[in-house]
PDB file of N, CA and C in Angstrom:
ATOM      1  N   UNK A   1       0.642  -8.693 -23.813  1.00  0.00           N
ATOM      2  CA  UNK A   1       1.660  -7.894 -22.495  1.00  0.00           C
ATOM      3  C   UNK A   1       2.463  -8.731 -23.193  1.00  0.00           C
ATOM      4  N   UNK A   2       3.455  -8.037 -23.267  1.00  0.00           N
ATOM      5  CA  UNK A   2       5.431  -9.057 -23.081  1.00  0.00           C
ATOM      6  C   UNK A   2       5.813  -8.960 -21.816  1.00  0.00           C
ATOM      7  N   UNK A   3       6.620  -9.361 -21.725  1.00  0.00           N
ATOM      8  CA  UNK A   3       7.532 -10.310 -20.917  1.00  0.00           C
ATOM      9  C   UNK A   3       8.358  -9.133 -19.386  1.00  0.00           C
ATOM     10  N   UNK A   4       8.792  -7.862 -20.639  1.00  0.00           N
ATOM     11  CA  UNK A   4       9.139  -6.996 -19.329  1.00  0.00           C
ATOM     12  C   UNK A   4       8.337  -6.169 -19.099  1.00  0.00           C
ATOM     13  N   UNK A   5       6.590  -5.488 -19.536  1.00  0.00           N
ATOM     14  CA  UNK A   5       5.459  -4.745 -19.415  1.00  0.00           C
ATOM     15  C   UNK A   5       4.987  -6.050 -18.549  1.00  0.00           C
ATOM     16  N   UNK A   6       4.342  -7.094 -18.587  1.00  0.00           N
ATOM     17  CA  UNK A   6       4.216  -8.263 -17.050  1.00  0.00           C
ATOM     18  C   UNK A   6       5.183  -7.712 -16.122  1.00  0.00           C
ATOM     19  N   UNK A   7       6.814  -7.548 -16.295  1.00  0.00           N
ATOM     20  CA  UNK A   7       7.567  -7.618 -15.153  1.00  0.00           C
ATOM     21  C   UNK A   7       7.869  -6.296 -15.077  1.00  0.00           C
ATOM     22  N   UNK A   8       7.067  -5.034 -15.149  1.00  0.00           N
ATOM     23  CA  UNK A   8       7.053  -2.973 -14.208  1.00  0.00           C
ATOM     24  C   UNK A   8       5.324  -3.712 -13.913  1.00  0.00           C
ATOM     25  N   UNK A   9       4.968  -3.981 -14.632  1.00  0.00           N
ATOM     26  CA  UNK A   9       3.128  -4.526 -13.506  1.00  0.00           C
ATOM     27  C   UNK A   9       3.856  -5.235 -12.620  1.00  0.00           C
ATOM     28  N   UNK A  10       4.203  -5.709 -12.127  1.00  0.00           N
ATOM     29  CA  UNK A  10       4.769  -6.742 -10.309  1.00  0.00           C
ATOM     30  C   UNK A  10       5.257  -6.037  -9.815  1.00  0.00           C
ATOM     31  N   UNK A  11       6.269  -5.720 -11.299  1.00  0.00           N
ATOM     32  CA  UNK A  11       7.193  -4.693  -9.794  1.00  0.00           C
ATOM     33  C   UNK A  11       6.382  -3.537  -8.868  1.00  0.00           C
ATOM     34  N   UNK A  12       5.565  -3.374  -9.975  1.00  0.00           N
ATOM     35  CA  UNK A  12       5.444  -1.858  -9.173  1.00  0.00           C
ATOM     36  C   UNK A  12       4.098  -1.990  -8.124  1.00  0.00           C
ATOM     37  N   UNK A  13       3.786  -3.455  -8.753  1.00  0.00           N
ATOM     38  CA  UNK A  13       2.193  -3.752  -7.379  1.00  0.00           C
ATOM     39  C   UNK A  13       3.439  -4.145  -6.444  1.00  0.00           C
ATOM     40  N   UNK A  14       3.821  -4.807  -6.811  1.00  0.00           N
ATOM     41  CA  UNK A  14       5.429  -5.622  -5.085  1.00  0.00           C
ATOM     42  C   UNK A  14       6.043  -4.184  -4.408  1.00  0.00           C
ATOM     43  N   UNK A  15       6.257  -3.176  -5.014  1.00  0.00           N
ATOM     44  CA  UNK A  15       7.413  -1.974  -4.139  1.00  0.00           C
ATOM     45  C   UNK A  15       5.548  -1.617  -3.642  1.00  0.00           C
ATOM     46  N   UNK A  16       5.248  -1.378  -3.955  1.00  0.00           N
ATOM     47  CA  UNK A  16       3.568  -1.007  -3.507  1.00  0.00           C
ATOM     48  C   UNK A  16       3.571  -1.203  -2.170  1.00  0.00           C
ATOM     49  N   UNK A  17       3.015  -2.456  -2.184  1.00  0.00           N
ATOM     50  CA  UNK A  17       3.427  -3.383  -1.046  1.00  0.00           C
ATOM     51  C   UNK A  17       4.486  -3.115   0.580  1.00  0.00           C
ATOM     52  N   UNK A  18       5.709  -2.895  -0.699  1.00  0.00           N
ATOM     53  CA  UNK A  18       6.843  -3.240   0.707  1.00  0.00           C
ATOM     54  C   UNK A  18       6.918  -1.930   0.807  1.00  0.00           C
ATOM     55  N   UNK A  19       6.590  -0.672   0.716  1.00  0.00           N
ATOM     56  CA  UNK A  19       6.712   1.425   0.838  1.00  0.00           C
ATOM     57  C   UNK A  19       5.982   1.285   1.475  1.00  0.00           C
ATOM     58  N   UNK A  20       4.532   0.457   1.618  1.00  0.00           N
ATOM     59  CA  UNK A  20       3.418   0.985   2.457  1.00  0.00           C
ATOM     60  C   UNK A  20       3.870  -0.069   3.412  1.00  0.00           C
ATOM     61  N   UNK A  21       4.142  -1.395   3.909  1.00  0.00           N
ATOM     62  CA  UNK A  21       4.305  -1.682   5.065  1.00  0.00           C
ATOM     63  C   UNK A  21       5.464  -1.474   6.252  1.00  0.00           C
ATOM     64  N   UNK A  22       6.620  -0.640   4.849  1.00  0.00           N
ATOM     65  CA  UNK A  22       7.553   0.755   5.827  1.00  0.00           C
ATOM     66  C   UNK A  22       8.817   0.384   5.222  1.00  0.00           C
ATOM     67  N   UNK A  23       9.322   1.782   5.226  1.00  0.00           N
ATOM     68  CA  UNK A  23      11.250   1.693   4.858  1.00  0.00           C
ATOM     69  C   UNK A  23      11.616   2.186   6.451  1.00  0.00           C
ATOM     70  N   UNK A  24      12.228   1.573   6.876  1.00  0.00           N
ATOM     71  CA  UNK A  24      12.672   2.350   8.572  1.00  0.00           C
ATOM     72  C   UNK A  24      13.311   3.809   8.594  1.00  0.00           C
ATOM     73  N   UNK A  25      14.148   3.645   7.083  1.00  0.00           N
ATOM     74  CA  UNK A  25      15.068   4.797   6.746  1.00  0.00           C
ATOM     75  C   UNK A  25      13.900   6.350   7.378  1.00  0.00           C
ATOM     76  N   UNK A  26      14.545   7.110   8.286  1.00  0.00           N
ATOM     77  CA  UNK A  26      13.961   8.550   8.787  1.00  0.00           C
ATOM     78  C   UNK A  26      13.313   9.539   7.965  1.00  0.00           C
ATOM     79  N   UNK A  27      14.199   9.468   6.556  1.00  0.00           N
ATOM     80  CA  UNK A  27      13.364  10.424   5.117  1.00  0.00           C
ATOM     81  C   UNK A  27      12.856   9.675   4.682  1.00  0.00           C
ATOM     82  N   UNK A  28      11.702   8.345   4.628  1.00  0.00           N
ATOM     83  CA  UNK A  28      10.623   7.986   4.180  1.00  0.00           C
ATOM     84  C   UNK A  28       9.673   7.007   5.289  1.00  0.00           C
ATOM     85  N   UNK A  29       9.935   6.618   6.442  1.00  0.00           N
ATOM     86  CA  UNK A  29       9.107   6.195   7.445  1.00  0.00           C
ATOM     87  C   UNK A  29       8.054   7.577   7.563  1.00  0.00           C
ATOM     88  N   UNK A  30       6.674   7.190   7.875  1.00  0.00           N
ATOM     89  CA  UNK A  30       5.732   7.689   7.566  1.00  0.00           C
ATOM     90  C   UNK A  30       4.901   8.355   6.910  1.00  0.00           C
ATOM     91  N   UNK A  31       5.453   8.410   5.470  1.00  0.00           N
ATOM     92  CA  UNK A  31       5.537   9.548   4.174  1.00  0.00           C
ATOM     93  C   UNK A  31       4.731   8.774   3.454  1.00  0.00           C
ATOM     94  N   UNK A  32       4.303   8.905   2.815  1.00  0.00           N
ATOM     95  CA  UNK A  32       2.858   9.145   1.849  1.00  0.00           C
ATOM     96  C   UNK A  32       3.646   8.330   0.347  1.00  0.00           C
ATOM     97  N   UNK A  33       4.137   7.478   0.063  1.00  0.00           N
ATOM     98  CA  UNK A  33       4.110   7.199  -0.995  1.00  0.00           C
ATOM     99  C   UNK A  33       4.163   6.396  -2.137  1.00  0.00           C
ATOM    100  N   UNK A  34       3.913   6.984  -3.190  1.00  0.00           N
ATOM    101  CA  UNK A  34       2.997   6.231  -4.463  1.00  0.00           C
ATOM    102  C   UNK A  34       4.180   5.715  -4.874  1.00  0.00           C
ATOM    103  N   UNK A  35       3.374   4.942  -5.804  1.00  0.00           N
ATOM    104  CA  UNK A  35       4.879   4.042  -7.048  1.00  0.00           C
ATOM    105  C   UNK A  35       3.504   3.741  -8.147  1.00  0.00           C
ATOM    106  N   UNK A  36       4.274   5.645  -9.036  1.00  0.00           N
ATOM    107  CA  UNK A  36       3.044   5.630  -9.886  1.00  0.00           C
ATOM    108  C   UNK A  36       3.884   4.949 -11.401  1.00  0.00           C
ATOM    109  N   UNK A  37       4.759   4.397 -11.153  1.00  0.00           N
ATOM    110  CA  UNK A  37       5.485   3.815 -12.493  1.00  0.00           C
ATOM    111  C   UNK A  37       6.957   2.855 -12.443  1.00  0.00           C
ATOM    112  N   UNK A  38       6.805   1.960 -13.059  1.00  0.00           N
ATOM    113  CA  UNK A  38       7.912   1.095 -13.439  1.00  0.00           C
ATOM    114  C   UNK A  38       8.934   0.579 -15.285  1.00  0.00           C
ATOM    115  N   UNK A  39       9.845   1.373 -14.594  1.00  0.00           N
ATOM    116  CA  UNK A  39      10.503   0.934 -16.403  1.00  0.00           C
ATOM    117  C   UNK A  39      11.941  -0.226 -16.377  1.00  0.00           C
ATOM    118  N   UNK A  40      11.458  -1.553 -16.340  1.00  0.00           N
ATOM    119  CA  UNK A  40      12.982  -2.337 -16.159  1.00  0.00           C
ATOM    120  C   UNK A  40      14.056  -1.621 -18.133  1.00  0.00           C
ATOM    121  N   UNK A  41      14.374  -1.889 -17.920  1.00  0.00           N
ATOM    122  CA  UNK A  41      15.865  -2.002 -18.933  1.00  0.00           C
ATOM    123  C   UNK A  41      14.813  -3.568 -19.690  1.00  0.00           C
ATOM    124  N   UNK A  42      15.780  -4.092 -20.812  1.00  0.00           N
ATOM    125  CA  UNK A  42      15.188  -5.147 -21.152  1.00  0.00           C
ATOM    126  C   UNK A  42      16.277  -6.055 -20.621  1.00  0.00           C
ATOM    127  N   UNK A  43      17.162  -5.800 -20.841  1.00  0.00           N
ATOM    128  CA  UNK A  43      18.545  -7.050 -19.307  1.00  0.00           C
ATOM    129  C   UNK A  43      18.262  -7.261 -18.610  1.00  0.00           C
ATOM    130  N   UNK A  44      16.991  -6.148 -17.696  1.00  0.00           N
ATOM    131  CA  UNK A  44      16.338  -6.392 -16.178  1.00  0.00           C
ATOM    132  C   UNK A  44      17.529  -5.793 -14.956  1.00  0.00           C
ATOM    133  N   UNK A  45      18.606  -5.908 -15.619  1.00  0.00           N
ATOM    134  CA  UNK A  45      19.483  -4.863 -14.362  1.00  0.00           C
ATOM    135  C   UNK A  45      19.291  -3.698 -14.119  1.00  0.00           C
ATOM    136  N   UNK A  46      18.533  -2.493 -14.780  1.00  0.00           N
ATOM    137  CA  UNK A  46      17.881  -2.065 -13.783  1.00  0.00           C
ATOM    138  C   UNK A  46      16.972  -0.989 -14.286  1.00  0.00           C
ATOM    139  N   UNK A  47      15.929  -0.528 -13.147  1.00  0.00           N
ATOM    140  CA  UNK A  47      15.044  -0.378 -12.569  1.00  0.00           C
ATOM    141  C   UNK A  47      14.467   1.064 -12.105  1.00  0.00           C
ATOM    142  N   UNK A  48      13.897   1.855 -13.433  1.00  0.00           N
ATOM    143  CA  UNK A  48      13.527   3.313 -13.106  1.00  0.00           C
ATOM    144  C   UNK A  48      11.743   3.555 -12.540  1.00  0.00           C
ATOM    145  N   UNK A  49      12.271   3.625 -11.510  1.00  0.00           N
ATOM    146  CA  UNK A  49      10.661   4.035 -10.320  1.00  0.00           C
ATOM    147  C   UNK A  49       9.954   5.200 -10.192  1.00  0.00           C
ATOM    148  N   UNK A  50       9.575   5.498 -10.887  1.00  0.00           N
ATOM    149  CA  UNK A  50       8.807   7.201 -10.282  1.00  0.00           C
ATOM    150  C   UNK A  50       7.877   6.977  -9.200  1.00  0.00           C
ATOM    151  N   UNK A  51       8.433   7.945  -8.041  1.00  0.00           N
ATOM    152  CA  UNK A  51       7.311   7.682  -7.088  1.00  0.00           C
ATOM    153  C   UNK A  51       6.112   9.479  -6.404  1.00  0.00           C
ATOM    154  N   UNK A  52       5.060   9.430  -6.096  1.00  0.00           N
ATOM    155  CA  UNK A  52       4.430  10.596  -5.422  1.00  0.00           C
ATOM    156  C   UNK A  52       4.671  10.424  -4.540  1.00  0.00           C
ATOM    157  N   UNK A  53       5.299  11.419  -3.466  1.00  0.00           N
ATOM    158  CA  UNK A  53       5.309  11.593  -2.190  1.00  0.00           C
ATOM    159  C   UNK A  53       4.622  12.893  -1.890  1.00  0.00           C
ATOM    160  N   UNK A  54       3.279  12.308  -1.703  1.00  0.00           N
ATOM    161  CA  UNK A  54       2.120  13.255  -0.232  1.00  0.00           C
ATOM    162  C   UNK A  54       1.941  13.241   0.665  1.00  0.00           C
ATOM    163  N   UNK A  55       1.646  14.513   1.080  1.00  0.00           N
ATOM    164  CA  UNK A  55       1.982  14.860   2.650  1.00  0.00           C
ATOM    165  C   UNK A  55       2.985  15.975   2.980  1.00  0.00           C
ATOM    166  N   UNK A  56       3.775  15.792   1.624  1.00  0.00           N
ATOM    167  CA  UNK A  56       5.227  16.292   1.927  1.00  0.00           C
ATOM    168  C   UNK A  56       5.037  17.814   2.294  1.00  0.00           C
ATOM    169  N   UNK A  57       6.208  18.323   2.799  1.00  0.00           N
ATOM    170  CA  UNK A  57       5.698  20.516   1.903  1.00  0.00           C
ATOM    171  C   UNK A  57       6.727  20.713   0.557  1.00  0.00           C
ATOM    172  N   UNK A  58       6.939  21.172   0.027  1.00  0.00           N
ATOM    173  CA  UNK A  58       7.502  21.276  -1.747  1.00  0.00           C
ATOM    174  C   UNK A  58       9.197  21.612  -0.275  1.00  0.00           C
ATOM    175  N   UNK A  59       9.744  21.161  -1.523  1.00  0.00           N
ATOM    176  CA  UNK A  59      10.485  21.015  -1.567  1.00  0.00           C
ATOM    177  C   UNK A  59      11.512  19.780  -1.053  1.00  0.00           C
ATOM    178  N   UNK A  60      11.469  19.273   0.066  1.00  0.00           N
ATOM    179  CA  UNK A  60      11.256  18.075   0.849  1.00  0.00           C
ATOM    180  C   UNK A  60      11.254  16.709   0.486  1.00  0.00           C
ATOM    181  N   UNK A  61      10.482  17.084  -1.023  1.00  0.00           N
ATOM    182  CA  UNK A  61      10.223  15.628  -1.968  1.00  0.00           C
ATOM    183  C   UNK A  61      11.766  14.450  -2.589  1.00  0.00           C
ATOM    184  N   UNK A  62      12.751  15.477  -2.643  1.00  0.00           N
ATOM    185  CA  UNK A  62      14.069  15.136  -3.025  1.00  0.00           C
ATOM    186  C   UNK A  62      14.646  14.422  -1.421  1.00  0.00           C
ATOM    187  N   UNK A  63      14.477  14.632  -1.004  1.00  0.00           N
ATOM    188  CA  UNK A  63      14.646  14.571   1.083  1.00  0.00           C
ATOM    189  C   UNK A  63      14.111  12.566   0.820  1.00  0.00           C
ATOM    190  N   UNK A  64      13.317  12.290   0.312  1.00  0.00           N
ATOM    191  CA  UNK A  64      11.946  11.304   0.469  1.00  0.00           C
ATOM    192  C   UNK A  64      12.824  10.113  -0.687  1.00  0.00           C
ATOM    193  N   UNK A  65      12.994  10.612  -1.947  1.00  0.00           N
ATOM    194  CA  UNK A  65      14.074   9.999  -2.819  1.00  0.00           C
ATOM    195  C   UNK A  65      15.254   9.509  -2.411  1.00  0.00           C
ATOM    196  N   UNK A  66      15.780  10.436  -2.140  1.00  0.00           N
ATOM    197  CA  UNK A  66      17.233  10.253  -1.143  1.00  0.00           C
ATOM    198  C   UNK A  66      17.347   9.101  -0.624  1.00  0.00           C
ATOM    199  N   UNK A  67      15.663   9.203   0.385  1.00  0.00           N
ATOM    200  CA  UNK A  67      15.946   7.957   1.469  1.00  0.00           C
ATOM    201  C   UNK A  67      15.263   6.558   0.811  1.00  0.00           C
ATOM    202  N   UNK A  68      14.874   6.745  -0.402  1.00  0.00           N
ATOM    203  CA  UNK A  68      14.049   5.376  -0.911  1.00  0.00           C
ATOM    204  C   UNK A  68      15.565   4.716  -1.330  1.00  0.00           C
ATOM    205  N   UNK A  69      15.805   5.718  -2.489  1.00  0.00           N
ATOM    206  CA  UNK A  69      17.972   5.076  -2.918  1.00  0.00           C
ATOM    207  C   UNK A  69      18.285   4.991  -2.048  1.00  0.00           C
ATOM    208  N   UNK A  70      18.549   5.485  -1.177  1.00  0.00           N
ATOM    209  CA  UNK A  70      19.198   4.845  -0.017  1.00  0.00           C
ATOM    210  C   UNK A  70      18.920   3.489   0.248  1.00  0.00           C
ATOM    211  N   UNK A  71      18.001   2.870   1.091  1.00  0.00           N
ATOM    212  CA  UNK A  71      16.957   1.765   1.403  1.00  0.00           C
ATOM    213  C   UNK A  71      17.165   1.163   0.072  1.00  0.00           C
ATOM    214  N   UNK A  72      17.595   1.608  -1.202  1.00  0.00           N
ATOM    215  CA  UNK A  72      17.399   0.038  -1.900  1.00  0.00           C
ATOM    216  C   UNK A  72      17.947  -1.469  -1.579  1.00  0.00           C
ATOM    217  N   UNK A  73      18.994  -2.026  -1.180  1.00  0.00           N
ATOM    218  CA  UNK A  73      18.558  -2.893  -0.683  1.00  0.00           C
ATOM    219  C   UNK A  73      18.002  -3.717  -0.079  1.00  0.00           C
ATOM    220  N   UNK A  74      17.505  -2.512   1.249  1.00  0.00           N
ATOM    221  CA  UNK A  74      16.462  -3.337   1.686  1.00  0.00           C
ATOM    222  C   UNK A  74      15.566  -3.902   0.976  1.00  0.00           C
ATOM    223  N   UNK A  75      14.549  -2.799  -0.024  1.00  0.00           N
ATOM    224  CA  UNK A  75      13.751  -2.964  -0.741  1.00  0.00           C
ATOM    225  C   UNK A  75      14.041  -4.281  -1.622  1.00  0.00           C
ATOM    226  N   UNK A  76      15.242  -4.216  -2.063  1.00  0.00           N
ATOM    227  CA  UNK A  76      15.790  -5.237  -3.087  1.00  0.00           C
ATOM    228  C   UNK A  76      15.453  -6.253  -3.145  1.00  0.00           C
ATOM    229  N   UNK A  77      16.003  -6.470  -1.286  1.00  0.00           N
ATOM    230  CA  UNK A  77      15.891  -7.633  -0.412  1.00  0.00           C
ATOM    231  C   UNK A  77      14.568  -8.568   0.016  1.00  0.00           C
ATOM    232  N   UNK A  78      13.327  -7.495   0.290  1.00  0.00           N
ATOM    233  CA  UNK A  78      11.896  -7.673  -0.078  1.00  0.00           C
ATOM    234  C   UNK A  78      11.459  -7.845  -1.135  1.00  0.00           C
ATOM    235  N   UNK A  79      12.257  -7.580  -1.859  1.00  0.00           N
ATOM    236  CA  UNK A  79      10.615  -8.314  -3.328  1.00  0.00           C
ATOM    237  C   UNK A  79      12.075  -9.350  -4.106  1.00  0.00           C
ATOM    238  N   UNK A  80      12.480  -9.957  -3.841  1.00  0.00           N
ATOM    239  CA  UNK A  80      13.197 -11.148  -3.750  1.00  0.00           C
ATOM    240  C   UNK A  80      12.187 -12.411  -3.174  1.00  0.00           C
ATOM    241  N   UNK A  81      11.914 -11.142  -2.526  1.00  0.00           N
ATOM    242  CA  UNK A  81      11.101 -12.725  -1.580  1.00  0.00           C
ATOM    243  C   UNK A  81       9.312 -12.789  -2.433  1.00  0.00           C
ATOM    244  N   UNK A  82       9.645 -11.892  -3.854  1.00  0.00           N
ATOM    245  CA  UNK A  82       7.857 -11.323  -3.707  1.00  0.00           C
ATOM    246  C   UNK A  82       7.352 -11.755  -5.239  1.00  0.00           C
ATOM    247  N   UNK A  83       8.479 -11.317  -5.892  1.00  0.00           N
ATOM    248  CA  UNK A  83       9.010 -11.495  -7.277  1.00  0.00           C
ATOM    249  C   UNK A  83      10.184 -13.021  -7.823  1.00  0.00           C
ATOM    250  N   UNK A  84      10.125 -13.887  -8.341  1.00  0.00           N
ATOM    251  CA  UNK A  84      10.717 -14.081  -9.190  1.00  0.00           C
ATOM    252  C   UNK A  84      11.640 -14.317 -10.196  1.00  0.00           C
ATOM    253  N   UNK A  85      12.708 -13.550 -10.070  1.00  0.00           N
ATOM    254  CA  UNK A  85      14.062 -13.547 -11.272  1.00  0.00           C
ATOM    255  C   UNK A  85      14.628 -13.565 -10.782  1.00  0.00           C
ATOM    256  N   UNK A  86      15.583 -14.263 -11.904  1.00  0.00           N
ATOM    257  CA  UNK A  86      17.066 -14.890 -11.993  1.00  0.00           C
ATOM    258  C   UNK A  86      17.907 -13.705 -11.345  1.00  0.00           C
ATOM    259  N   UNK A  87      17.356 -12.617 -11.590  1.00  0.00           N
ATOM    260  CA  UNK A  87      18.548 -11.390 -10.786  1.00  0.00           C
ATOM    261  C   UNK A  87      17.809 -10.222 -11.061  1.00  0.00           C
ATOM    262  N   UNK A  88      17.306  -9.415  -9.494  1.00  0.00           N
ATOM    263  CA  UNK A  88      16.227  -8.352  -9.436  1.00  0.00           C
ATOM    264  C   UNK A  88      17.329  -7.291 -10.494  1.00  0.00           C
ATOM    265  N   UNK A  89      16.612  -6.120 -10.883  1.00  0.00           N
ATOM    266  CA  UNK A  89      17.347  -5.064 -11.102  1.00  0.00           C
ATOM    267  C   UNK A  89      17.946  -4.061 -10.075  1.00  0.00           C
ATOM    268  N   UNK A  90      18.732  -3.292 -10.231  1.00  0.00           N
ATOM    269  CA  UNK A  90      19.292  -2.731  -9.871  1.00  0.00           C
ATOM    270  C   UNK A  90      17.752  -1.783  -9.624  1.00  0.00           C
ATOM    271  N   UNK A  91      17.681  -1.314  -9.036  1.00  0.00           N
ATOM    272  CA  UNK A  91      16.222   0.502  -8.335  1.00  0.00           C
ATOM    273  C   UNK A  91      16.816   1.933  -8.249  1.00  0.00           C
ATOM    274  N   UNK A  92      16.350   2.768  -9.036  1.00  0.00           N
ATOM    275  CA  UNK A  92      16.514   3.801  -9.225  1.00  0.00           C
ATOM    276  C   UNK A  92      15.350   4.863  -9.160  1.00  0.00           C
ATOM    277  N   UNK A  93      15.242   5.092  -7.991  1.00  0.00           N
ATOM    278  CA  UNK A  93      14.193   5.956  -8.318  1.00  0.00           C
ATOM    279  C   UNK A  93      13.895   7.671  -8.335  1.00  0.00           C
ATOM    280  N   UNK A  94      12.561   7.835  -9.139  1.00  0.00           N
ATOM    281  CA  UNK A  94      12.778   9.320  -9.335  1.00  0.00           C
ATOM    282  C   UNK A  94      11.783  10.194  -9.008  1.00  0.00           C
ATOM    283  N   UNK A  95      11.842  11.607  -8.296  1.00  0.00           N
ATOM    284  CA  UNK A  95      10.100  11.782  -8.200  1.00  0.00           C
ATOM    285  C   UNK A  95       9.568  12.498  -9.384  1.00  0.00           C
ATOM    286  N   UNK A  96       7.838  11.877  -9.451  1.00  0.00           N
ATOM    287  CA  UNK A  96       7.155  12.634 -10.823  1.00  0.00           C
ATOM    288  C   UNK A  96       5.949  13.046  -9.810  1.00  0.00           C
ATOM    289  N   UNK A  97       6.344  14.461 -10.081  1.00  0.00           N
ATOM    290  CA  UNK A  97       5.040  15.355  -9.495  1.00  0.00           C
ATOM    291  C   UNK A  97       3.361  15.227 -10.728  1.00  0.00           C
ATOM    292  N   UNK A  98       3.537  14.615 -11.135  1.00  0.00           N
ATOM    293  CA  UNK A  98       2.382  14.269 -12.194  1.00  0.00           C
ATOM    294  C   UNK A  98       0.979  14.444 -10.937  1.00  0.00           C
ATOM    295  N   UNK A  99       0.817  13.464  -9.619  1.00  0.00           N
ATOM    296  CA  UNK A  99      -0.007  13.634  -8.349  1.00  0.00           C
ATOM    297  C   UNK A  99      -0.356  15.708  -7.799  1.00  0.00           C
ATOM    298  N   UNK A 100       0.881  15.622  -7.561  1.00  0.00           N
ATOM    299  CA  UNK A 100       0.450  16.857  -7.570  1.00  0.00           C
ATOM    300  C   UNK A 100      -0.053  18.043  -7.812  1.00  0.00           C
ATOM    301  N   UNK A 101       0.775  18.153 -10.063  1.00  0.00           N
ATOM    302  CA  UNK A 101       0.091  18.844 -10.723  1.00  0.00           C
ATOM    303  C   UNK A 101      -1.119  18.366 -10.850  1.00  0.00           C
ATOM    304  N   UNK A 102      -1.417  17.495 -10.979  1.00  0.00           N
ATOM    305  CA  UNK A 102      -3.192  17.579 -10.733  1.00  0.00           C
ATOM    306  C   UNK A 102      -3.972  17.960  -9.981  1.00  0.00           C
ATOM    307  N   UNK A 103      -3.581  18.071  -8.797  1.00  0.00           N
ATOM    308  CA  UNK A 103      -4.767  18.355  -7.951  1.00  0.00           C
ATOM    309  C   UNK A 103      -3.804  19.060  -8.176  1.00  0.00           C
ATOM    310  N   UNK A 104      -3.264  20.317  -8.522  1.00  0.00           N
ATOM    311  CA  UNK A 104      -2.902  21.559  -8.503  1.00  0.00           C
ATOM    312  C   UNK A 104      -4.057  22.382  -9.729  1.00  0.00           C
ATOM    313  N   UNK A 105      -3.666  21.523 -10.316  1.00  0.00           N
ATOM    314  CA  UNK A 105      -5.312  21.998 -11.865  1.00  0.00           C
ATOM    315  C   UNK A 105      -6.699  21.858 -11.533  1.00  0.00           C
ATOM    316  N   UNK A 106      -6.360  20.890 -10.441  1.00  0.00           N
ATOM    317  CA  UNK A 106      -7.936  20.584  -9.712  1.00  0.00           C
ATOM    318  C   UNK A 106      -8.259  21.638  -9.072  1.00  0.00           C
ATOM    319  N   UNK A 107      -8.077  22.252  -8.596  1.00  0.00           N
ATOM    320  CA  UNK A 107      -8.063  22.923  -7.423  1.00  0.00           C
ATOM    321  C   UNK A 107      -7.956  24.527  -7.891  1.00  0.00           C
ATOM    322  N   UNK A 108      -7.328  24.674  -9.730  1.00  0.00           N
ATOM    323  CA  UNK A 108      -7.374  26.103  -9.836  1.00  0.00           C
ATOM    324  C   UNK A 108      -9.156  25.699 -11.131  1.00  0.00           C
ATOM    325  N   UNK A 109      -9.149  25.023 -11.065  1.00  0.00           N
ATOM    326  CA  UNK A 109     -10.456  24.467 -12.146  1.00  0.00           C
ATOM    327  C   UNK A 109     -11.632  25.069 -11.477  1.00  0.00           C
ATOM    328  N   UNK A 110     -11.793  24.446  -9.868  1.00  0.00           N
ATOM    329  CA  UNK A 110     -12.987  24.335  -8.895  1.00  0.00           C
ATOM    330  C   UNK A 110     -12.868  25.910  -8.589  1.00  0.00           C
ATOM    331  N   UNK A 111     -11.497  26.503  -8.550  1.00  0.00           N
ATOM    332  CA  UNK A 111     -11.882  27.452  -8.264  1.00  0.00           C
ATOM    333  C   UNK A 111     -12.557  28.927  -9.698  1.00  0.00           C
ATOM    334  N   UNK A 112     -12.036  28.390 -10.760  1.00  0.00           N
ATOM    335  CA  UNK A 112     -12.749  29.270 -11.791  1.00  0.00           C
ATOM    336  C   UNK A 112     -14.418  28.701 -11.544  1.00  0.00           C
ATOM    337  N   UNK A 113     -14.931  27.542 -11.518  1.00  0.00           N
ATOM    338  CA  UNK A 113     -16.124  27.483 -11.852  1.00  0.00           C
ATOM    339  C   UNK A 113     -16.933  28.156 -10.416  1.00  0.00           C
ATOM    340  N   UNK A 114     -16.381  28.504  -9.422  1.00  0.00           N
ATOM    341  CA  UNK A 114     -17.059  28.942  -8.192  1.00  0.00           C
ATOM    342  C   UNK A 114     -17.117  30.746  -8.840  1.00  0.00           C
ATOM    343  N   UNK A 115     -16.037  31.139  -9.152  1.00  0.00           N
ATOM    344  CA  UNK A 115     -16.211  32.630  -9.305  1.00  0.00           C
ATOM    345  C   UNK A 115     -17.283  32.588 -10.599  1.00  0.00           C
ATOM    346  N   UNK A 116     -17.674  31.248 -11.991  1.00  0.00           N
ATOM    347  CA  UNK A 116     -18.411  31.949 -12.544  1.00  0.00           C
ATOM    348  C   UNK A 116     -19.742  31.483 -12.001  1.00  0.00           C
ATOM    349  N   UNK A 117     -19.984  30.549 -10.495  1.00  0.00           N
ATOM    350  CA  UNK A 117     -21.291  30.889 -10.657  1.00  0.00           C
ATOM    351  C   UNK A 117     -21.556  32.064  -9.649  1.00  0.00           C
ATOM    352  N   UNK A 118     -21.299  33.132  -9.173  1.00  0.00           N
ATOM    353  CA  UNK A 118     -21.573  33.717  -8.050  1.00  0.00           C
ATOM    354  C   UNK A 118     -21.546  34.987  -8.736  1.00  0.00           C
TER     355      UNK A 118
END
């Protein structure tokens, strides 16, 4: 595992902790936000963070992403105490719908199976 991969893994792990402990922005507070992936560029200036938002009605996920991008300074300051890097990269949050898509496909498969069994 190279250095960038280790940084991505640690950033993903620590971001999950910070988001679990809470961000005070009302668009994010109380929402179930799961970090699905992190991708830091080679010069460590920018990190793209992909998150999935569970328990939020369709169309409201972008509000949570906006809240996370707004709270980027606070999140970075929390990460600085947990990850020792010379410079913490800027964080850009993006919505990842793969968990919701997977749950939808699983539900469709269950419906097909139950129809075949009847």
